[in-house]
Amino acid sequence: MMTILIICIIIVLVVLFLTLLSTNKAYKYEHTIDPIEATKNDTDPAEEEKK
């Protein structure tokens, strides 16, 4: 009975460690987005007023 309890505690500690490790890595990840490229159809409203 005691060996099963020890094995269960070890499994819980390993899962906790892996959870903390992956969460820490996820918070360090820096998200980036691609800039929007201007197309021929895009016009600036300020330029429209000049015409």
C-alpha atoms as a PDB file:
ATOM      1  CA  MET A   1       0.000   0.000   0.000  1.00  0.00           C
ATOM      2  CA  MET A   2       2.813   2.370   0.867  1.00  0.00           C
ATOM      3  CA  THR A   3       4.605   1.795  -2.447  1.00  0.00           C
ATOM      4  CA  ILE A   4       1.482   2.679  -4.420  1.00  0.00           C
ATOM      5  CA  LEU A   5       1.121   5.911  -2.446  1.00  0.00           C
ATOM      6  CA  ILE A   6       4.760   6.843  -3.103  1.00  0.00           C
ATOM      7  CA  ILE A   7       4.408   6.092  -6.822  1.00  0.00           C
ATOM      8  CA  CYS A   8       1.259   8.223  -6.992  1.00  0.00           C
ATOM      9  CA  ILE A   9       2.974  11.132  -5.251  1.00  0.00           C
ATOM     10  CA  ILE A  10       5.929  10.898  -7.642  1.00  0.00           C
ATOM     11  CA  ILE A  11       3.572  10.927 -10.641  1.00  0.00           C
ATOM     12  CA  VAL A  12       1.731  13.962  -9.272  1.00  0.00           C
ATOM     13  CA  LEU A  13       5.020  15.821  -8.721  1.00  0.00           C
ATOM     14  CA  VAL A  14       6.246  15.007 -12.237  1.00  0.00           C
ATOM     15  CA  VAL A  15       2.970  16.215 -13.781  1.00  0.00           C
ATOM     16  CA  LEU A  16       3.102  19.389 -11.666  1.00  0.00           C
ATOM     17  CA  PHE A  17       6.692  20.050 -12.738  1.00  0.00           C
ATOM     18  CA  LEU A  18       5.880  19.556 -16.428  1.00  0.00           C
ATOM     19  CA  THR A  19       2.810  21.801 -16.132  1.00  0.00           C
ATOM     20  CA  LEU A  20       4.849  24.591 -14.557  1.00  0.00           C
ATOM     21  CA  LEU A  21       7.585  24.170 -17.157  1.00  0.00           C
ATOM     22  CA  SER A  22       5.209  24.391 -20.110  1.00  0.00           C
ATOM     23  CA  THR A  23       3.267  27.308 -18.610  1.00  0.00           C
ATOM     24  CA  ASN A  24       6.473  29.218 -17.998  1.00  0.00           C
ATOM     25  CA  LYS A  25       7.596  28.583 -21.576  1.00  0.00           C
ATOM     26  CA  ALA A  26       4.208  29.705 -22.914  1.00  0.00           C
ATOM     27  CA  TYR A  27       4.375  33.018 -21.045  1.00  0.00           C
ATOM     28  CA  LYS A  28       7.857  33.709 -22.455  1.00  0.00           C
ATOM     29  CA  TYR A  29       6.681  33.229 -26.060  1.00  0.00           C
ATOM     30  CA  GLU A  30       6.515  36.536 -27.918  1.00  0.00           C
ATOM     31  CA  HIS A  31       3.636  36.755 -30.372  1.00  0.00           C
ATOM     32  CA  THR A  32       4.198  38.666 -33.576  1.00  0.00           C
ATOM     33  CA  ILE A  33       1.952  39.618 -36.442  1.00  0.00           C
ATOM     34  CA  ASP A  34       2.803  40.267 -40.065  1.00  0.00           C
ATOM     35  CA  PRO A  35       2.491  43.883 -41.185  1.00  0.00           C
ATOM     36  CA  ILE A  36      -0.369  44.701 -43.520  1.00  0.00           C
ATOM     37  CA  GLU A  37       0.933  45.262 -47.015  1.00  0.00           C
ATOM     38  CA  ALA A  38      -0.564  48.083 -49.028  1.00  0.00           C
ATOM     39  CA  THR A  39      -2.335  47.030 -52.213  1.00  0.00           C
ATOM     40  CA  LYS A  40      -3.330  48.993 -55.295  1.00  0.00           C
ATOM     41  CA  ASN A  41      -6.907  49.302 -54.028  1.00  0.00           C
ATOM     42  CA  ASP A  42      -5.861  50.837 -50.711  1.00  0.00           C
ATOM     43  CA  THR A  43      -6.104  54.609 -50.714  1.00  0.00           C
ATOM     44  CA  ASP A  44      -5.405  57.142 -48.039  1.00  0.00           C
ATOM     45  CA  PRO A  45      -8.470  59.318 -47.275  1.00  0.00           C
ATOM     46  CA  ALA A  46      -6.180  62.360 -46.947  1.00  0.00           C
ATOM     47  CA  GLU A  47      -4.936  61.840 -50.498  1.00  0.00           C
ATOM     48  CA  GLU A  48      -8.512  61.519 -51.770  1.00  0.00           C
ATOM     49  CA  GLU A  49      -9.312  65.008 -50.438  1.00  0.00           C
ATOM     50  CA  LYS A  50      -6.347  66.538 -52.309  1.00  0.00           C
ATOM     51  CA  LYS A  51      -7.689  65.417 -55.711  1.00  0.00           C
END
